[in-house]
PDB file of all heavy atoms in Angstrom:
ATOM      1  N   ASP A   1      13.157 -12.088 -12.002  1.00  0.00           N
ATOM      2  CA  ASP A   1      11.926 -11.468 -12.487  1.00  0.00           C
ATOM      3  C   ASP A   1      10.802 -11.679 -11.484  1.00  0.00           C
ATOM      4  O   ASP A   1      10.664 -12.755 -10.907  1.00  0.00           O
ATOM      5  CB  ASP A   1      11.505 -12.095 -13.816  1.00  0.00           C
ATOM      6  CG  ASP A   1      12.565 -11.947 -14.893  1.00  0.00           C
ATOM      7  OD1 ASP A   1      13.418 -11.066 -14.765  1.00  0.00           O
ATOM      8  OD2 ASP A   1      12.522 -12.719 -15.869  1.00  0.00           O
ATOM      9  N   LEU A   2       9.989 -10.632 -11.312  1.00  0.00           N
ATOM     10  CA  LEU A   2       8.804 -10.733 -10.468  1.00  0.00           C
ATOM     11  C   LEU A   2       7.572 -10.444 -11.307  1.00  0.00           C
ATOM     12  O   LEU A   2       7.556  -9.493 -12.090  1.00  0.00           O
ATOM     13  CB  LEU A   2       8.865  -9.710  -9.324  1.00  0.00           C
ATOM     14  CG  LEU A   2       9.961  -9.846  -8.290  1.00  0.00           C
ATOM     15  CD1 LEU A   2       9.903  -8.665  -7.319  1.00  0.00           C
ATOM     16  CD2 LEU A   2       9.819 -11.153  -7.532  1.00  0.00           C
ATOM     17  N   PHE A   3       6.555 -11.245 -11.142  1.00  0.00           N
ATOM     18  CA  PHE A   3       5.259 -11.013 -11.770  1.00  0.00           C
ATOM     19  C   PHE A   3       4.254 -10.814 -10.649  1.00  0.00           C
ATOM     20  O   PHE A   3       4.022 -11.727  -9.853  1.00  0.00           O
ATOM     21  CB  PHE A   3       4.861 -12.190 -12.664  1.00  0.00           C
ATOM     22  CG  PHE A   3       5.736 -12.327 -13.866  1.00  0.00           C
ATOM     23  CD1 PHE A   3       6.864 -13.126 -13.838  1.00  0.00           C
ATOM     24  CD2 PHE A   3       5.452 -11.629 -15.034  1.00  0.00           C
ATOM     25  CE1 PHE A   3       7.691 -13.249 -14.949  1.00  0.00           C
ATOM     26  CE2 PHE A   3       6.262 -11.741 -16.153  1.00  0.00           C
ATOM     27  CZ  PHE A   3       7.386 -12.553 -16.099  1.00  0.00           C
ATOM     28  N   LEU A   4       3.695  -9.619 -10.570  1.00  0.00           N
ATOM     29  CA  LEU A   4       2.775  -9.276  -9.492  1.00  0.00           C
ATOM     30  C   LEU A   4       1.343  -9.297 -10.011  1.00  0.00           C
ATOM     31  O   LEU A   4       1.040  -8.667 -11.022  1.00  0.00           O
ATOM     32  CB  LEU A   4       3.123  -7.902  -8.927  1.00  0.00           C
ATOM     33  CG  LEU A   4       4.579  -7.708  -8.493  1.00  0.00           C
ATOM     34  CD1 LEU A   4       4.826  -6.255  -8.101  1.00  0.00           C
ATOM     35  CD2 LEU A   4       4.928  -8.653  -7.369  1.00  0.00           C
ATOM     36  N   GLU A   5       0.485 -10.000  -9.298  1.00  0.00           N
ATOM     37  CA  GLU A   5      -0.911 -10.118  -9.708  1.00  0.00           C
ATOM     38  C   GLU A   5      -1.896  -9.761  -8.602  1.00  0.00           C
ATOM     39  O   GLU A   5      -3.087  -9.630  -8.861  1.00  0.00           O
ATOM     40  CB  GLU A   5      -1.192 -11.547 -10.175  1.00  0.00           C
ATOM     41  CG  GLU A   5      -0.319 -11.997 -11.322  1.00  0.00           C
ATOM     42  CD  GLU A   5      -0.566 -13.441 -11.703  1.00  0.00           C
ATOM     43  OE1 GLU A   5      -1.702 -13.752 -12.112  1.00  0.00           O
ATOM     44  OE2 GLU A   5       0.366 -14.248 -11.581  1.00  0.00           O
ATOM     45  N   ALA A   6      -1.408  -9.624  -7.374  1.00  0.00           N
ATOM     46  CA  ALA A   6      -2.291  -9.312  -6.246  1.00  0.00           C
ATOM     47  C   ALA A   6      -2.917  -7.935  -6.445  1.00  0.00           C
ATOM     48  O   ALA A   6      -2.257  -6.993  -6.910  1.00  0.00           O
ATOM     49  CB  ALA A   6      -1.511  -9.360  -4.936  1.00  0.00           C
ATOM     50  N   GLU A   7      -4.168  -7.800  -6.085  1.00  0.00           N
ATOM     51  CA  GLU A   7      -4.902  -6.552  -6.269  1.00  0.00           C
ATOM     52  C   GLU A   7      -4.193  -5.371  -5.591  1.00  0.00           C
ATOM     53  O   GLU A   7      -4.121  -4.280  -6.155  1.00  0.00           O
ATOM     54  CB  GLU A   7      -6.322  -6.688  -5.728  1.00  0.00           C
ATOM     55  CG  GLU A   7      -7.218  -5.534  -6.089  1.00  0.00           C
ATOM     56  CD  GLU A   7      -7.409  -5.345  -7.583  1.00  0.00           C
ATOM     57  OE1 GLU A   7      -7.538  -6.332  -8.323  1.00  0.00           O
ATOM     58  OE2 GLU A   7      -7.421  -4.172  -8.025  1.00  0.00           O
ATOM     59  N   ALA A   8      -3.635  -5.592  -4.415  1.00  0.00           N
ATOM     60  CA  ALA A   8      -2.939  -4.511  -3.706  1.00  0.00           C
ATOM     61  C   ALA A   8      -1.721  -4.048  -4.497  1.00  0.00           C
ATOM     62  O   ALA A   8      -1.462  -2.839  -4.613  1.00  0.00           O
ATOM     63  CB  ALA A   8      -2.528  -4.981  -2.312  1.00  0.00           C
ATOM     64  N   ASP A   9      -0.961  -4.985  -5.055  1.00  0.00           N
ATOM     65  CA  ASP A   9       0.216  -4.625  -5.859  1.00  0.00           C
ATOM     66  C   ASP A   9      -0.197  -3.889  -7.121  1.00  0.00           C
ATOM     67  O   ASP A   9       0.420  -2.878  -7.500  1.00  0.00           O
ATOM     68  CB  ASP A   9       1.017  -5.877  -6.233  1.00  0.00           C
ATOM     69  CG  ASP A   9       1.667  -6.552  -5.044  1.00  0.00           C
ATOM     70  OD1 ASP A   9       2.006  -5.845  -4.068  1.00  0.00           O
ATOM     71  OD2 ASP A   9       1.824  -7.782  -5.084  1.00  0.00           O
ATOM     72  N   LEU A  10      -1.216  -4.376  -7.794  1.00  0.00           N
ATOM     73  CA  LEU A  10      -1.689  -3.734  -9.020  1.00  0.00           C
ATOM     74  C   LEU A  10      -2.135  -2.306  -8.744  1.00  0.00           C
ATOM     75  O   LEU A  10      -1.849  -1.390  -9.522  1.00  0.00           O
ATOM     76  CB  LEU A  10      -2.822  -4.538  -9.646  1.00  0.00           C
ATOM     77  CG  LEU A  10      -2.456  -5.923 -10.166  1.00  0.00           C
ATOM     78  CD1 LEU A  10      -3.709  -6.664 -10.614  1.00  0.00           C
ATOM     79  CD2 LEU A  10      -1.446  -5.839 -11.297  1.00  0.00           C
ATOM     80  N   SER A  11      -2.810  -2.123  -7.632  1.00  0.00           N
ATOM     81  CA  SER A  11      -3.291  -0.791  -7.269  1.00  0.00           C
ATOM     82  C   SER A  11      -2.130   0.171  -7.032  1.00  0.00           C
ATOM     83  O   SER A  11      -2.152   1.317  -7.485  1.00  0.00           O
ATOM     84  CB  SER A  11      -4.160  -0.892  -6.014  1.00  0.00           C
ATOM     85  OG  SER A  11      -4.602   0.389  -5.630  1.00  0.00           O
ATOM     86  N   ILE A  12      -1.097  -0.298  -6.333  1.00  0.00           N
ATOM     87  CA  ILE A  12       0.077   0.543  -6.067  1.00  0.00           C
ATOM     88  C   ILE A  12       0.750   0.952  -7.370  1.00  0.00           C
ATOM     89  O   ILE A  12       1.062   2.126  -7.590  1.00  0.00           O
ATOM     90  CB  ILE A  12       1.074  -0.205  -5.152  1.00  0.00           C
ATOM     91  CG1 ILE A  12       0.509  -0.306  -3.738  1.00  0.00           C
ATOM     92  CG2 ILE A  12       2.441   0.483  -5.156  1.00  0.00           C
ATOM     93  CD1 ILE A  12       1.263  -1.267  -2.843  1.00  0.00           C
ATOM     94  N   TYR A  13       0.957  -0.015  -8.268  1.00  0.00           N
ATOM     95  CA  TYR A  13       1.659   0.287  -9.517  1.00  0.00           C
ATOM     96  C   TYR A  13       0.805   1.109 -10.478  1.00  0.00           C
ATOM     97  O   TYR A  13       1.325   1.967 -11.196  1.00  0.00           O
ATOM     98  CB  TYR A  13       2.187  -0.992 -10.170  1.00  0.00           C
ATOM     99  CG  TYR A  13       3.484  -1.441  -9.566  1.00  0.00           C
ATOM    100  CD1 TYR A  13       3.514  -2.338  -8.497  1.00  0.00           C
ATOM    101  CD2 TYR A  13       4.700  -0.945 -10.026  1.00  0.00           C
ATOM    102  CE1 TYR A  13       4.716  -2.737  -7.921  1.00  0.00           C
ATOM    103  CE2 TYR A  13       5.907  -1.330  -9.459  1.00  0.00           C
ATOM    104  CZ  TYR A  13       5.897  -2.227  -8.413  1.00  0.00           C
ATOM    105  OH  TYR A  13       7.089  -2.600  -7.840  1.00  0.00           O
ATOM    106  N   ALA A  14      -0.510   0.887 -10.487  1.00  0.00           N
ATOM    107  CA  ALA A  14      -1.386   1.705 -11.330  1.00  0.00           C
ATOM    108  C   ALA A  14      -1.354   3.155 -10.865  1.00  0.00           C
ATOM    109  O   ALA A  14      -1.271   4.080 -11.682  1.00  0.00           O
ATOM    110  CB  ALA A  14      -2.809   1.160 -11.301  1.00  0.00           C
ATOM    111  N   SER A  15      -1.387   3.353  -9.555  1.00  0.00           N
ATOM    112  CA  SER A  15      -1.324   4.696  -9.003  1.00  0.00           C
ATOM    113  C   SER A  15       0.025   5.347  -9.310  1.00  0.00           C
ATOM    114  O   SER A  15       0.095   6.532  -9.681  1.00  0.00           O
ATOM    115  CB  SER A  15      -1.548   4.634  -7.489  1.00  0.00           C
ATOM    116  OG  SER A  15      -1.442   5.912  -6.920  1.00  0.00           O
ATOM    117  N   MET A  16       1.104   4.574  -9.185  1.00  0.00           N
ATOM    118  CA  MET A  16       2.434   5.101  -9.489  1.00  0.00           C
ATOM    119  C   MET A  16       2.527   5.495 -10.962  1.00  0.00           C
ATOM    120  O   MET A  16       3.052   6.559 -11.295  1.00  0.00           O
ATOM    121  CB  MET A  16       3.514   4.064  -9.160  1.00  0.00           C
ATOM    122  CG  MET A  16       4.914   4.603  -9.360  1.00  0.00           C
ATOM    123  SD  MET A  16       6.293   3.446  -9.138  1.00  0.00           S
ATOM    124  CE  MET A  16       5.733   2.267  -7.990  1.00  0.00           C
ATOM    125  N   PHE A  17       2.004   4.659 -11.850  1.00  0.00           N
ATOM    126  CA  PHE A  17       2.053   4.958 -13.280  1.00  0.00           C
ATOM    127  C   PHE A  17       1.279   6.243 -13.583  1.00  0.00           C
ATOM    128  O   PHE A  17       1.744   7.104 -14.333  1.00  0.00           O
ATOM    129  CB  PHE A  17       1.523   3.777 -14.093  1.00  0.00           C
ATOM    130  CG  PHE A  17       1.710   3.927 -15.566  1.00  0.00           C
ATOM    131  CD1 PHE A  17       2.980   3.961 -16.121  1.00  0.00           C
ATOM    132  CD2 PHE A  17       0.621   4.043 -16.402  1.00  0.00           C
ATOM    133  CE1 PHE A  17       3.163   4.120 -17.493  1.00  0.00           C
ATOM    134  CE2 PHE A  17       0.790   4.183 -17.773  1.00  0.00           C
ATOM    135  CZ  PHE A  17       2.059   4.218 -18.313  1.00  0.00           C
ATOM    136  N   ASP A  18       0.094   6.384 -12.981  1.00  0.00           N
ATOM    137  CA  ASP A  18      -0.692   7.608 -13.179  1.00  0.00           C
ATOM    138  C   ASP A  18       0.085   8.836 -12.699  1.00  0.00           C
ATOM    139  O   ASP A  18       0.078   9.880 -13.355  1.00  0.00           O
ATOM    140  CB  ASP A  18      -2.024   7.519 -12.438  1.00  0.00           C
ATOM    141  CG  ASP A  18      -2.999   6.572 -13.102  1.00  0.00           C
ATOM    142  OD1 ASP A  18      -2.812   6.221 -14.290  1.00  0.00           O
ATOM    143  OD2 ASP A  18      -3.961   6.156 -12.421  1.00  0.00           O
ATOM    144  N   HIS A  19       0.757   8.718 -11.559  1.00  0.00           N
ATOM    145  CA  HIS A  19       1.545   9.829 -11.031  1.00  0.00           C
ATOM    146  C   HIS A  19       2.696  10.178 -11.985  1.00  0.00           C
ATOM    147  O   HIS A  19       2.946  11.352 -12.264  1.00  0.00           O
ATOM    148  CB  HIS A  19       2.081   9.486  -9.637  1.00  0.00           C
ATOM    149  CG  HIS A  19       2.884  10.580  -9.019  1.00  0.00           C
ATOM    150  ND1 HIS A  19       2.304  11.693  -8.431  1.00  0.00           N
ATOM    151  CD2 HIS A  19       4.225  10.756  -8.902  1.00  0.00           C
ATOM    152  CE1 HIS A  19       3.255  12.495  -7.987  1.00  0.00           C
ATOM    153  NE2 HIS A  19       4.429  11.954  -8.255  1.00  0.00           N
ATOM    154  N   LEU A  20       3.378   9.161 -12.480  1.00  0.00           N
ATOM    155  CA  LEU A  20       4.500   9.401 -13.396  1.00  0.00           C
ATOM    156  C   LEU A  20       4.028  10.067 -14.684  1.00  0.00           C
ATOM    157  O   LEU A  20       4.682  10.982 -15.194  1.00  0.00           O
ATOM    158  CB  LEU A  20       5.232   8.095 -13.690  1.00  0.00           C
ATOM    159  CG  LEU A  20       5.916   7.433 -12.488  1.00  0.00           C
ATOM    160  CD1 LEU A  20       6.460   6.062 -12.879  1.00  0.00           C
ATOM    161  CD2 LEU A  20       6.986   8.318 -11.903  1.00  0.00           C
ATOM    162  N   ARG A  21       2.892   9.602 -15.220  1.00  0.00           N
ATOM    163  CA  ARG A  21       2.351  10.244 -16.434  1.00  0.00           C
ATOM    164  C   ARG A  21       2.041  11.712 -16.190  1.00  0.00           C
ATOM    165  O   ARG A  21       2.241  12.558 -17.069  1.00  0.00           O
ATOM    166  CB  ARG A  21       1.077   9.532 -16.896  1.00  0.00           C
ATOM    167  CG  ARG A  21       1.326   8.182 -17.489  1.00  0.00           C
ATOM    168  CD  ARG A  21       0.109   7.623 -18.156  1.00  0.00           C
ATOM    169  NE  ARG A  21      -0.949   7.352 -17.192  1.00  0.00           N
ATOM    170  CZ  ARG A  21      -2.062   6.715 -17.490  1.00  0.00           C
ATOM    171  NH1 ARG A  21      -2.287   6.311 -18.726  1.00  0.00           N
ATOM    172  NH2 ARG A  21      -2.978   6.503 -16.574  1.00  0.00           N
ATOM    173  N   ALA A  22       1.551  12.017 -14.982  1.00  0.00           N
ATOM    174  CA  ALA A  22       1.155  13.388 -14.670  1.00  0.00           C
ATOM    175  C   ALA A  22       2.358  14.322 -14.538  1.00  0.00           C
ATOM    176  O   ALA A  22       2.261  15.502 -14.901  1.00  0.00           O
ATOM    177  CB  ALA A  22       0.324  13.415 -13.381  1.00  0.00           C
ATOM    178  N   ILE A  23       3.485  13.834 -14.032  1.00  0.00           N
ATOM    179  CA  ILE A  23       4.637  14.721 -13.818  1.00  0.00           C
ATOM    180  C   ILE A  23       5.583  14.764 -15.017  1.00  0.00           C
ATOM    181  O   ILE A  23       6.444  15.630 -15.092  1.00  0.00           O
ATOM    182  CB  ILE A  23       5.417  14.355 -12.536  1.00  0.00           C
ATOM    183  CG1 ILE A  23       6.076  12.988 -12.647  1.00  0.00           C
ATOM    184  CG2 ILE A  23       4.526  14.465 -11.313  1.00  0.00           C
ATOM    185  CD1 ILE A  23       7.062  12.674 -11.534  1.00  0.00           C
ATOM    186  N   ALA A  24       5.416  13.837 -15.946  1.00  0.00           N
ATOM    187  CA  ALA A  24       6.294  13.786 -17.121  1.00  0.00           C
ATOM    188  C   ALA A  24       5.902  14.863 -18.134  1.00  0.00           C
ATOM    189  O   ALA A  24       4.773  15.359 -18.136  1.00  0.00           O
ATOM    190  CB  ALA A  24       6.215  12.404 -17.765  1.00  0.00           C
ATOM    191  N   LEU A  25       6.854  15.190 -18.992  1.00  0.00           N
ATOM    192  CA  LEU A  25       6.558  16.097 -20.103  1.00  0.00           C
ATOM    193  C   LEU A  25       5.480  15.493 -20.991  1.00  0.00           C
ATOM    194  O   LEU A  25       5.363  14.267 -21.103  1.00  0.00           O
ATOM    195  CB  LEU A  25       7.810  16.328 -20.949  1.00  0.00           C
ATOM    196  CG  LEU A  25       8.987  17.056 -20.321  1.00  0.00           C
ATOM    197  CD1 LEU A  25      10.156  17.102 -21.307  1.00  0.00           C
ATOM    198  CD2 LEU A  25       8.600  18.458 -19.884  1.00  0.00           C
ATOM    199  N   SER A  26       4.735  16.346 -21.659  1.00  0.00           N
ATOM    200  CA  SER A  26       3.767  15.861 -22.642  1.00  0.00           C
ATOM    201  C   SER A  26       4.523  15.148 -23.766  1.00  0.00           C
ATOM    202  O   SER A  26       5.729  15.378 -23.949  1.00  0.00           O
ATOM    203  CB  SER A  26       2.983  17.038 -23.229  1.00  0.00           C
ATOM    204  OG  SER A  26       3.843  17.826 -24.043  1.00  0.00           O
ATOM    205  N   PRO A  27       3.842  14.318 -24.540  1.00  0.00           N
ATOM    206  CA  PRO A  27       4.521  13.678 -25.669  1.00  0.00           C
ATOM    207  C   PRO A  27       5.163  14.687 -26.628  1.00  0.00           C
ATOM    208  O   PRO A  27       6.281  14.471 -27.110  1.00  0.00           O
ATOM    209  CB  PRO A  27       3.412  12.872 -26.343  1.00  0.00           C
ATOM    210  CG  PRO A  27       2.506  12.513 -25.203  1.00  0.00           C
ATOM    211  CD  PRO A  27       2.500  13.749 -24.326  1.00  0.00           C
ATOM    212  N   ALA A  28       4.499  15.801 -26.884  1.00  0.00           N
ATOM    213  CA  ALA A  28       5.063  16.807 -27.799  1.00  0.00           C
ATOM    214  C   ALA A  28       6.321  17.441 -27.204  1.00  0.00           C
ATOM    215  O   ALA A  28       7.333  17.605 -27.900  1.00  0.00           O
ATOM    216  CB  ALA A  28       4.026  17.878 -28.111  1.00  0.00           C
TER     217      ALA A  28
END
């Protein structure tokens, strides 16, 4: 298990999550 807390890591994963939400189907 990895727990990432560095600001650079958080920024990368937050951006990735936003991208994934944008390309995924809507909840409906």
